[in-house]
Amino acid sequence: MLATEFTPLSSLLGGAIIGVSAVGFYLFDGRMAGITGILRRAMQPSATSR
């Protein structure tokens, strides 16, 4: 059996850092960071491929 230690303070701090970085990206770039945006950009034809 593998025992892990639950650390709520570290988890909260990590989530806050991720949240602050996502909000910062949205404020400075105007779009949300996430897999949907990455896939959308990857699937759109580029202007040079026409």
PDB file of N, CA and C in Angstrom:
ATOM      1  N   MET A   1       0.837  -1.172   0.000  1.00  0.00           N
ATOM      2  CA  MET A   1       0.000   0.000   0.000  1.00  0.00           C
ATOM      3  C   MET A   1       0.891   1.248   0.000  1.00  0.00           C
ATOM      4  N   LEU A   2       0.578   2.170  -0.854  1.00  0.00           N
ATOM      5  CA  LEU A   2       1.349   3.405  -0.979  1.00  0.00           C
ATOM      6  C   LEU A   2       0.663   4.506  -0.180  1.00  0.00           C
ATOM      7  N   ALA A   3       1.340   5.046   0.787  1.00  0.00           N
ATOM      8  CA  ALA A   3       0.776   6.111   1.619  1.00  0.00           C
ATOM      9  C   ALA A   3       1.293   7.457   1.130  1.00  0.00           C
ATOM     10  N   THR A   4       0.384   8.388   0.958  1.00  0.00           N
ATOM     11  CA  THR A   4       0.771   9.745   0.572  1.00  0.00           C
ATOM     12  C   THR A   4       0.307  10.704   1.662  1.00  0.00           C
ATOM     13  N   GLU A   5       0.969  11.797   1.755  1.00  0.00           N
ATOM     14  CA  GLU A   5       0.631  12.789   2.770  1.00  0.00           C
ATOM     15  C   GLU A   5      -0.169  13.912   2.123  1.00  0.00           C
ATOM     16  N   PHE A   6      -1.342  14.184   2.666  1.00  0.00           N
ATOM     17  CA  PHE A   6      -2.195  15.254   2.155  1.00  0.00           C
ATOM     18  C   PHE A   6      -1.748  16.575   2.767  1.00  0.00           C
ATOM     19  N   THR A   7      -1.416  17.516   1.918  1.00  0.00           N
ATOM     20  CA  THR A   7      -0.961  18.827   2.381  1.00  0.00           C
ATOM     21  C   THR A   7      -1.876  19.901   1.801  1.00  0.00           C
ATOM     22  N   PRO A   8      -2.920  20.279   2.528  1.00  0.00           N
ATOM     23  CA  PRO A   8      -3.875  21.248   1.992  1.00  0.00           C
ATOM     24  C   PRO A   8      -3.274  22.630   1.732  1.00  0.00           C
ATOM     25  N   LEU A   9      -2.306  23.038   2.531  1.00  0.00           N
ATOM     26  CA  LEU A   9      -1.715  24.361   2.321  1.00  0.00           C
ATOM     27  C   LEU A   9      -0.909  24.405   1.023  1.00  0.00           C
ATOM     28  N   SER A  10      -0.139  23.377   0.761  1.00  0.00           N
ATOM     29  CA  SER A  10       0.624  23.317  -0.490  1.00  0.00           C
ATOM     30  C   SER A  10      -0.311  23.226  -1.698  1.00  0.00           C
ATOM     31  N   SER A  11      -1.386  22.464  -1.546  1.00  0.00           N
ATOM     32  CA  SER A  11      -2.361  22.339  -2.636  1.00  0.00           C
ATOM     33  C   SER A  11      -3.039  23.671  -2.928  1.00  0.00           C
ATOM     34  N   LEU A  12      -3.398  24.375  -1.880  1.00  0.00           N
ATOM     35  CA  LEU A  12      -4.029  25.684  -2.042  1.00  0.00           C
ATOM     36  C   LEU A  12      -3.084  26.680  -2.698  1.00  0.00           C
ATOM     37  N   LEU A  13      -1.843  26.673  -2.270  1.00  0.00           N
ATOM     38  CA  LEU A  13      -0.848  27.579  -2.844  1.00  0.00           C
ATOM     39  C   LEU A  13      -0.610  27.271  -4.326  1.00  0.00           C
ATOM     40  N   GLY A  14      -0.507  25.998  -4.664  1.00  0.00           N
ATOM     41  CA  GLY A  14      -0.322  25.619  -6.066  1.00  0.00           C
ATOM     42  C   GLY A  14      -1.497  26.018  -6.941  1.00  0.00           C
ATOM     43  N   GLY A  15      -2.714  25.815  -6.434  1.00  0.00           N
ATOM     44  CA  GLY A  15      -3.909  26.222  -7.178  1.00  0.00           C
ATOM     45  C   GLY A  15      -3.987  27.725  -7.356  1.00  0.00           C
ATOM     46  N   ALA A  16      -3.575  28.452  -6.325  1.00  0.00           N
ATOM     47  CA  ALA A  16      -3.588  29.923  -6.420  1.00  0.00           C
ATOM     48  C   ALA A  16      -2.586  30.411  -7.458  1.00  0.00           C
ATOM     49  N   ILE A  17      -1.432  29.786  -7.507  1.00  0.00           N
ATOM     50  CA  ILE A  17      -0.424  30.174  -8.506  1.00  0.00           C
ATOM     51  C   ILE A  17      -0.934  29.910  -9.915  1.00  0.00           C
ATOM     52  N   ILE A  18      -1.559  28.767 -10.129  1.00  0.00           N
ATOM     53  CA  ILE A  18      -2.132  28.454 -11.446  1.00  0.00           C
ATOM     54  C   ILE A  18      -3.237  29.445 -11.798  1.00  0.00           C
ATOM     55  N   GLY A  19      -4.092  29.785 -10.831  1.00  0.00           N
ATOM     56  CA  GLY A  19      -5.177  30.738 -11.075  1.00  0.00           C
ATOM     57  C   GLY A  19      -4.669  32.130 -11.410  1.00  0.00           C
ATOM     58  N   VAL A  20      -3.667  32.585 -10.676  1.00  0.00           N
ATOM     59  CA  VAL A  20      -3.103  33.916 -10.938  1.00  0.00           C
ATOM     60  C   VAL A  20      -2.458  33.963 -12.316  1.00  0.00           C
ATOM     61  N   SER A  21      -1.777  32.893 -12.702  1.00  0.00           N
ATOM     62  CA  SER A  21      -1.144  32.886 -14.027  1.00  0.00           C
ATOM     63  C   SER A  21      -2.195  32.841 -15.139  1.00  0.00           C
ATOM     64  N   ALA A  22      -3.297  32.128 -14.940  1.00  0.00           N
ATOM     65  CA  ALA A  22      -4.361  32.085 -15.945  1.00  0.00           C
ATOM     66  C   ALA A  22      -5.026  33.453 -16.094  1.00  0.00           C
ATOM     67  N   VAL A  23      -5.271  34.122 -14.983  1.00  0.00           N
ATOM     68  CA  VAL A  23      -5.872  35.464 -15.032  1.00  0.00           C
ATOM     69  C   VAL A  23      -4.903  36.453 -15.691  1.00  0.00           C
ATOM     70  N   GLY A  24      -3.622  36.351 -15.366  1.00  0.00           N
ATOM     71  CA  GLY A  24      -2.633  37.225 -15.991  1.00  0.00           C
ATOM     72  C   GLY A  24      -2.553  37.026 -17.489  1.00  0.00           C
ATOM     73  N   PHE A  25      -2.603  35.770 -17.938  1.00  0.00           N
ATOM     74  CA  PHE A  25      -2.579  35.492 -19.367  1.00  0.00           C
ATOM     75  C   PHE A  25      -3.813  36.076 -20.042  1.00  0.00           C
ATOM     76  N   TYR A  26      -4.973  35.954 -19.384  1.00  0.00           N
ATOM     77  CA  TYR A  26      -6.201  36.497 -19.946  1.00  0.00           C
ATOM     78  C   TYR A  26      -6.146  38.024 -20.031  1.00  0.00           C
ATOM     79  N   LEU A  27      -5.617  38.663 -19.003  1.00  0.00           N
ATOM     80  CA  LEU A  27      -5.561  40.127 -18.995  1.00  0.00           C
ATOM     81  C   LEU A  27      -4.575  40.671 -20.020  1.00  0.00           C
ATOM     82  N   PHE A  28      -3.443  40.020 -20.183  1.00  0.00           N
ATOM     83  CA  PHE A  28      -2.414  40.529 -21.087  1.00  0.00           C
ATOM     84  C   PHE A  28      -2.593  40.080 -22.531  1.00  0.00           C
ATOM     85  N   ASP A  29      -3.210  38.902 -22.745  1.00  0.00           N
ATOM     86  CA  ASP A  29      -3.339  38.387 -24.104  1.00  0.00           C
ATOM     87  C   ASP A  29      -4.782  38.412 -24.602  1.00  0.00           C
ATOM     88  N   GLY A  30      -5.738  38.486 -23.703  1.00  0.00           N
ATOM     89  CA  GLY A  30      -7.138  38.562 -24.100  1.00  0.00           C
ATOM     90  C   GLY A  30      -7.766  37.226 -24.425  1.00  0.00           C
ATOM     91  N   ARG A  31      -7.102  36.122 -24.116  1.00  0.00           N
ATOM     92  CA  ARG A  31      -7.706  34.811 -24.341  1.00  0.00           C
ATOM     93  C   ARG A  31      -7.390  33.899 -23.170  1.00  0.00           C
ATOM     94  N   MET A  32      -8.186  32.871 -23.074  1.00  0.00           N
ATOM     95  CA  MET A  32      -8.020  31.916 -21.985  1.00  0.00           C
ATOM     96  C   MET A  32      -6.990  30.861 -22.371  1.00  0.00           C
ATOM     97  N   ALA A  33      -6.165  30.491 -21.417  1.00  0.00           N
ATOM     98  CA  ALA A  33      -5.197  29.426 -21.630  1.00  0.00           C
ATOM     99  C   ALA A  33      -5.881  28.096 -21.346  1.00  0.00           C
ATOM    100  N   GLY A  34      -5.708  27.139 -22.215  1.00  0.00           N
ATOM    101  CA  GLY A  34      -6.305  25.828 -21.994  1.00  0.00           C
ATOM    102  C   GLY A  34      -6.199  24.964 -23.233  1.00  0.00           C
ATOM    103  N   ILE A  35      -6.589  23.729 -23.095  1.00  0.00           N
ATOM    104  CA  ILE A  35      -6.469  22.777 -24.197  1.00  0.00           C
ATOM    105  C   ILE A  35      -7.389  23.148 -25.354  1.00  0.00           C
ATOM    106  N   THR A  36      -8.534  23.755 -25.074  1.00  0.00           N
ATOM    107  CA  THR A  36      -9.449  24.142 -26.146  1.00  0.00           C
ATOM    108  C   THR A  36      -8.813  25.192 -27.056  1.00  0.00           C
ATOM    109  N   GLY A  37      -8.174  26.190 -26.495  1.00  0.00           N
ATOM    110  CA  GLY A  37      -7.514  27.210 -27.304  1.00  0.00           C
ATOM    111  C   GLY A  37      -6.344  26.664 -28.090  1.00  0.00           C
ATOM    112  N   ILE A  38      -5.600  25.760 -27.483  1.00  0.00           N
ATOM    113  CA  ILE A  38      -4.464  25.151 -28.181  1.00  0.00           C
ATOM    114  C   ILE A  38      -4.953  24.334 -29.371  1.00  0.00           C
ATOM    115  N   LEU A  39      -5.986  23.511 -29.164  1.00  0.00           N
ATOM    116  CA  LEU A  39      -6.510  22.692 -30.260  1.00  0.00           C
ATOM    117  C   LEU A  39      -7.152  23.550 -31.344  1.00  0.00           C
ATOM    118  N   ARG A  40      -7.840  24.609 -30.949  1.00  0.00           N
ATOM    119  CA  ARG A  40      -8.475  25.491 -31.934  1.00  0.00           C
ATOM    120  C   ARG A  40      -7.426  26.120 -32.852  1.00  0.00           C
ATOM    121  N   ARG A  41      -6.322  26.599 -32.275  1.00  0.00           N
ATOM    122  CA  ARG A  41      -5.251  27.200 -33.084  1.00  0.00           C
ATOM    123  C   ARG A  41      -4.573  26.168 -33.956  1.00  0.00           C
ATOM    124  N   ALA A  42      -4.446  24.950 -33.459  1.00  0.00           N
ATOM    125  CA  ALA A  42      -3.782  23.897 -34.223  1.00  0.00           C
ATOM    126  C   ALA A  42      -4.626  23.447 -35.411  1.00  0.00           C
ATOM    127  N   MET A  43      -5.943  23.526 -35.290  1.00  0.00           N
ATOM    128  CA  MET A  43      -6.830  23.037 -36.342  1.00  0.00           C
ATOM    129  C   MET A  43      -7.182  24.089 -37.378  1.00  0.00           C
ATOM    130  N   GLN A  44      -6.951  25.366 -37.085  1.00  0.00           N
ATOM    131  CA  GLN A  44      -7.252  26.422 -38.032  1.00  0.00           C
ATOM    132  C   GLN A  44      -6.172  26.451 -39.120  1.00  0.00           C
ATOM    133  N   PRO A  45      -6.587  26.634 -40.357  1.00  0.00           N
ATOM    134  CA  PRO A  45      -5.567  26.760 -41.408  1.00  0.00           C
ATOM    135  C   PRO A  45      -4.814  28.077 -41.248  1.00  0.00           C
ATOM    136  N   SER A  46      -3.527  28.025 -41.461  1.00  0.00           N
ATOM    137  CA  SER A  46      -2.736  29.232 -41.323  1.00  0.00           C
ATOM    138  C   SER A  46      -2.830  30.077 -42.592  1.00  0.00           C
ATOM    139  N   ALA A  47      -2.476  31.342 -42.481  1.00  0.00           N
ATOM    140  CA  ALA A  47      -2.544  32.250 -43.619  1.00  0.00           C
ATOM    141  C   ALA A  47      -1.523  31.888 -44.680  1.00  0.00           C
ATOM    142  N   THR A  48      -0.423  31.252 -44.310  1.00  0.00           N
ATOM    143  CA  THR A  48       0.620  30.897 -45.291  1.00  0.00           C
ATOM    144  C   THR A  48       0.285  29.621 -46.057  1.00  0.00           C
ATOM    145  N   SER A  49      -0.704  28.848 -45.609  1.00  0.00           N
ATOM    146  CA  SER A  49      -1.005  27.587 -46.302  1.00  0.00           C
ATOM    147  C   SER A  49      -1.974  27.778 -47.460  1.00  0.00           C
ATOM    148  N   ARG A  50      -2.441  28.980 -47.683  1.00  0.00           N
ATOM    149  CA  ARG A  50      -3.394  29.213 -48.776  1.00  0.00           C
ATOM    150  C   ARG A  50      -2.721  29.456 -50.055  1.00  0.00           C
TER     151      ARG A  50
END
